[in-house]
Protein backbone atom coordinates (compact mmCIF):
# COMPACT_ATOMS: atom_id res chain seq x y z
CA UNK A 1 4.43 65.84 -28.59
CA UNK A 2 7.18 68.47 -28.70
CA UNK A 3 9.70 68.75 -31.49
CA UNK A 4 13.45 68.32 -30.89
CA UNK A 5 14.15 72.06 -30.64
CA UNK A 6 11.58 72.51 -27.91
CA UNK A 7 12.98 69.53 -26.04
CA UNK A 8 16.46 71.13 -26.20
CA UNK A 9 15.05 74.21 -24.47
CA UNK A 10 13.58 72.12 -21.65
CA UNK A 11 16.91 70.27 -21.33
CA UNK A 12 18.75 73.57 -21.03
CA UNK A 13 16.27 74.72 -18.35
CA UNK A 14 17.01 71.59 -16.36
CA UNK A 15 20.78 72.06 -16.64
CA UNK A 16 20.46 75.75 -15.63
CA UNK A 17 18.32 74.77 -12.66
CA UNK A 18 21.02 72.31 -11.49
CA UNK A 19 23.30 75.32 -11.40
CA UNK A 20 20.63 77.20 -9.39
CA UNK A 21 19.97 79.54 -12.32
CA UNK A 22 16.52 80.45 -13.63
CA UNK A 23 17.01 83.47 -15.87
CA UNK A 24 16.22 83.36 -19.53
CA UNK A 25 19.83 84.26 -20.34
CA UNK A 26 21.06 81.30 -18.25
CA UNK A 27 18.83 78.97 -20.27
CA UNK A 28 20.20 80.46 -23.50
CA UNK A 29 23.76 79.98 -22.24
CA UNK A 30 23.11 76.32 -21.50
CA UNK A 31 21.23 75.53 -24.69
CA UNK A 32 22.90 74.01 -27.77
CA UNK A 33 20.53 75.88 -30.12
CA UNK A 34 19.59 79.53 -30.61
CA UNK A 35 15.90 79.52 -29.81
CA UNK A 36 13.32 82.19 -30.63
CA UNK A 37 10.63 83.98 -28.69
CA UNK A 38 8.02 82.13 -30.73
CA UNK A 39 9.40 78.79 -29.52
CA UNK A 40 9.18 80.01 -25.92
CA UNK A 41 5.58 81.04 -26.64
CA UNK A 42 4.86 77.57 -27.96
CA UNK A 43 6.17 76.02 -24.78
CA UNK A 44 4.01 78.38 -22.77
CA UNK A 45 0.96 77.50 -24.90
CA UNK A 46 1.70 73.83 -24.32
CA UNK A 47 1.77 74.58 -20.55
CA UNK A 48 5.35 73.42 -20.15
CA UNK A 49 6.91 76.65 -18.84
CA UNK A 50 6.05 79.88 -17.02
CA UNK A 51 7.88 83.13 -17.76
CA UNK A 52 7.82 85.96 -15.23
CA UNK A 53 9.87 89.08 -16.02
CA UNK A 54 13.28 87.59 -16.83
CA UNK A 55 12.79 84.32 -15.01
CA UNK A 56 11.68 81.05 -16.58
CA UNK A 57 10.31 78.05 -14.67
CA UNK A 58 8.82 74.61 -15.31
CA UNK A 59 5.19 73.86 -14.84
CA UNK A 60 4.47 70.46 -13.23
CA UNK A 61 4.06 68.85 -16.64
CA UNK A 62 7.11 70.64 -18.00
CA UNK A 63 9.24 69.41 -15.14
CA UNK A 64 8.17 65.81 -15.69
CA UNK A 65 9.04 66.06 -19.38
CA UNK A 66 12.30 67.84 -18.64
CA UNK A 67 13.31 65.05 -16.32
CA UNK A 68 12.58 62.45 -19.01
CA UNK A 69 14.61 64.39 -21.58
CA UNK A 70 17.66 64.84 -19.34
CA UNK A 71 17.44 61.16 -18.32
CA UNK A 72 17.47 60.03 -21.98
CA UNK A 73 20.39 62.33 -22.80
CA UNK A 74 22.57 61.19 -19.92
CA UNK A 75 21.76 57.52 -20.50
CA UNK A 76 22.74 58.09 -24.12
CA UNK A 77 26.06 59.55 -22.93
CA UNK A 78 26.79 56.40 -20.88
CA UNK A 79 25.79 54.23 -23.82
CA UNK A 80 27.93 55.98 -26.46
CA UNK A 81 31.04 56.22 -24.30
CA UNK A 82 31.05 52.83 -22.54
CA UNK A 83 29.43 50.50 -25.10
CA UNK A 84 29.94 52.26 -28.44
CA UNK A 85 33.33 53.63 -27.35
CA UNK A 86 32.71 57.12 -28.78
CA UNK A 87 35.45 59.61 -27.86
CA UNK A 88 34.41 62.00 -25.08
CA UNK A 89 34.74 65.12 -27.25
CA UNK A 90 32.09 63.67 -29.58
CA UNK A 91 29.95 62.32 -26.75
CA UNK A 92 27.48 65.20 -26.37
CA UNK A 93 26.85 65.62 -30.09
CA UNK A 94 26.06 61.93 -30.63
CA UNK A 95 24.11 61.63 -27.38
CA UNK A 96 21.88 64.47 -28.56
CA UNK A 97 21.11 62.53 -31.73
CA UNK A 98 20.41 59.32 -29.81
CA UNK A 99 18.23 60.80 -27.05
CA UNK A 100 15.50 62.08 -29.37
CA UNK A 101 14.97 58.61 -30.87
CA UNK A 102 14.68 56.70 -27.57
CA UNK A 103 11.19 55.52 -26.81
CA UNK A 104 10.31 54.69 -23.22
CA UNK A 105 10.58 50.93 -23.69
CA UNK A 106 13.98 51.25 -25.36
CA UNK A 107 15.18 53.71 -22.75
CA UNK A 108 14.35 51.30 -19.92
CA UNK A 109 16.02 48.40 -21.70
CA UNK A 110 19.18 50.44 -22.22
CA UNK A 111 19.15 51.53 -18.58
CA UNK A 112 18.80 47.94 -17.43
CA UNK A 113 21.49 46.85 -19.84
CA UNK A 114 23.87 49.46 -18.39
CA UNK A 115 23.15 48.40 -14.81
CA UNK A 116 20.96 51.41 -13.90
CA UNK A 117 23.77 54.03 -13.80
CA UNK A 118 23.28 56.88 -11.38
CA UNK A 119 25.65 59.33 -13.09
CA UNK A 120 26.70 60.23 -16.62
CA UNK A 121 30.37 60.29 -17.68
CA UNK A 122 30.63 63.93 -16.58
CA UNK A 123 29.44 63.02 -13.08
CA UNK A 124 25.99 64.58 -13.43
CA UNK A 125 23.02 62.69 -11.87
CA UNK A 126 20.76 60.58 -14.05
CA UNK A 127 17.15 60.80 -12.87
CA UNK A 128 15.90 57.28 -11.98
CA UNK A 129 13.25 55.61 -14.09
CA UNK A 130 10.64 52.98 -13.21
CA UNK A 131 13.15 50.27 -14.10
CA UNK A 132 15.64 51.69 -11.54
CA UNK A 133 13.07 51.74 -8.76
CA UNK A 134 12.16 48.12 -9.39
CA UNK A 135 15.77 47.16 -10.16
CA UNK A 136 14.61 45.44 -13.34
CA UNK A 137 16.81 42.68 -14.70
CA UNK A 138 14.62 41.64 -17.60
CA UNK A 139 17.22 42.39 -20.29
CA UNK A 140 19.37 39.31 -20.83
CA UNK A 141 23.17 39.64 -20.73
CA UNK A 142 22.72 42.79 -18.66
CA UNK A 143 25.65 44.65 -17.19
CA UNK A 144 26.64 43.19 -13.85
CA UNK A 145 28.91 44.08 -10.99
CA UNK A 146 32.53 43.03 -11.50
CA UNK A 147 32.40 41.13 -8.24
CA UNK A 148 29.92 38.68 -9.82
CA UNK A 149 32.55 37.47 -12.32
CA UNK A 150 34.54 34.34 -11.64
CA UNK A 151 38.27 33.82 -12.28
CA UNK A 152 38.87 33.68 -16.03
CA UNK A 153 35.82 35.67 -16.93
CA UNK A 154 36.15 38.89 -18.86
CA UNK A 155 34.06 42.01 -19.10
CA UNK A 156 34.16 45.54 -20.50
CA UNK A 157 33.66 48.32 -17.94
CA UNK A 158 30.50 50.26 -18.65
CA UNK A 159 30.09 52.30 -15.49
CA UNK A 160 31.85 53.05 -12.21
CA UNK A 161 29.58 54.04 -9.38
CA UNK A 162 31.49 56.70 -7.43
CA UNK A 163 31.46 55.44 -3.84
CA UNK A 164 33.78 58.35 -3.16
CA UNK A 165 35.57 60.81 -5.37
CA UNK A 166 39.00 59.65 -4.11
CA UNK A 167 38.24 56.04 -5.05
CA UNK A 168 36.96 57.07 -8.46
CA UNK A 169 40.01 59.20 -9.24
CA UNK A 170 42.33 56.45 -8.01
CA UNK A 171 40.70 53.91 -10.36
CA UNK A 172 40.95 56.35 -13.26
CA UNK A 173 44.59 57.01 -12.51
CA UNK A 174 45.26 53.25 -12.70
CA UNK A 175 43.63 53.20 -16.16
CA UNK A 176 40.39 51.56 -15.06
CA UNK A 177 37.72 53.54 -16.89
CA UNK A 178 34.59 52.88 -19.00
CA UNK A 179 35.50 50.98 -22.17
CA UNK A 180 38.44 49.11 -20.67
CA UNK A 181 38.24 45.29 -20.87
CA UNK A 182 39.26 43.48 -17.66
CA UNK A 183 39.87 39.81 -16.87
CA UNK A 184 39.33 38.47 -13.38
CA UNK A 185 42.62 36.76 -12.38
CA UNK A 186 41.56 35.61 -8.91
CA UNK A 187 38.96 36.46 -6.29
CA UNK A 188 40.71 35.14 -3.19
CA UNK A 189 42.59 35.98 -1.01
CA UNK A 190 42.49 39.32 -2.93
CA UNK A 191 40.34 40.28 -5.91
CA UNK A 192 42.76 40.76 -8.79
CA UNK A 193 42.10 41.85 -12.34
CA UNK A 194 44.25 42.07 -15.42
CA UNK A 195 43.94 44.72 -18.13
CA UNK A 196 46.25 46.27 -20.70
CA UNK A 197 49.39 44.45 -19.38
CA UNK A 198 48.53 45.48 -15.82
CA UNK A 199 47.51 43.37 -12.81
CA UNK A 200 45.69 45.14 -10.00
CA UNK A 201 44.36 44.07 -6.60
CA UNK A 202 41.17 45.81 -5.61
CA UNK A 203 39.17 46.19 -2.43
CA UNK A 204 35.92 44.15 -2.68
CA UNK A 205 33.83 47.20 -1.70
CA UNK A 206 35.29 49.04 -4.68
CA UNK A 207 34.85 46.01 -6.98
CA UNK A 208 31.09 46.00 -6.19
CA UNK A 209 30.82 49.50 -7.66
CA UNK A 210 32.46 48.59 -11.00
CA UNK A 211 29.93 47.42 -13.55
CA UNK A 212 30.90 45.44 -16.64
CA UNK A 213 29.39 43.97 -19.74
CA UNK A 214 30.39 40.32 -19.51
CA UNK A 215 32.05 39.39 -22.81
CA UNK A 216 33.76 36.04 -22.55
CA UNK A 217 35.55 33.45 -20.44
CA UNK A 218 39.32 33.08 -20.83
CA UNK A 219 41.67 30.30 -19.74
CA UNK A 220 44.11 31.52 -17.14
């Protein structure tokens, strides 16, 4: 089992690779710690990485672990911003603390709870886990699509699946973002929600992509 510092190096390698970068300097630029040559040697000894000249690459085992690490980190980002309401400028720091403590069972429960998000708050992809492939719903009171709520029911937005960038930016411009609590006003003839002294009619296809944590039922 690798320590947290070695996991941070693998995470930085994954982020660099997403940017189509594989140099050692690129990994250093994307890493939140200053790592040493001895730590790289330890990863090589553990058969997690291969270093050739100035390039650094995952082994098969290293790639699998790197994927798990980046998945935990980005799930933690969704968790701390949408459920714990941590401000975005503190998101990465706290997500780093959370990710290292997530065991596989807890990770899958959190993912199910959040509705199996595909992207983190920064729009970066979250690698799917086994729970996503099976669309597990074993966690009670899981996050659900807003379209499943009836008039009078209330939920806090946890995740918006970007069907398109224009739709996502439009929702954000209206003030609909993770952490906002919405109440379903009516579902027919138009799907209308109320939030923060605003009433908004939404296209049902967009509503399907808004996931909420159901919180209560209000009288309209």
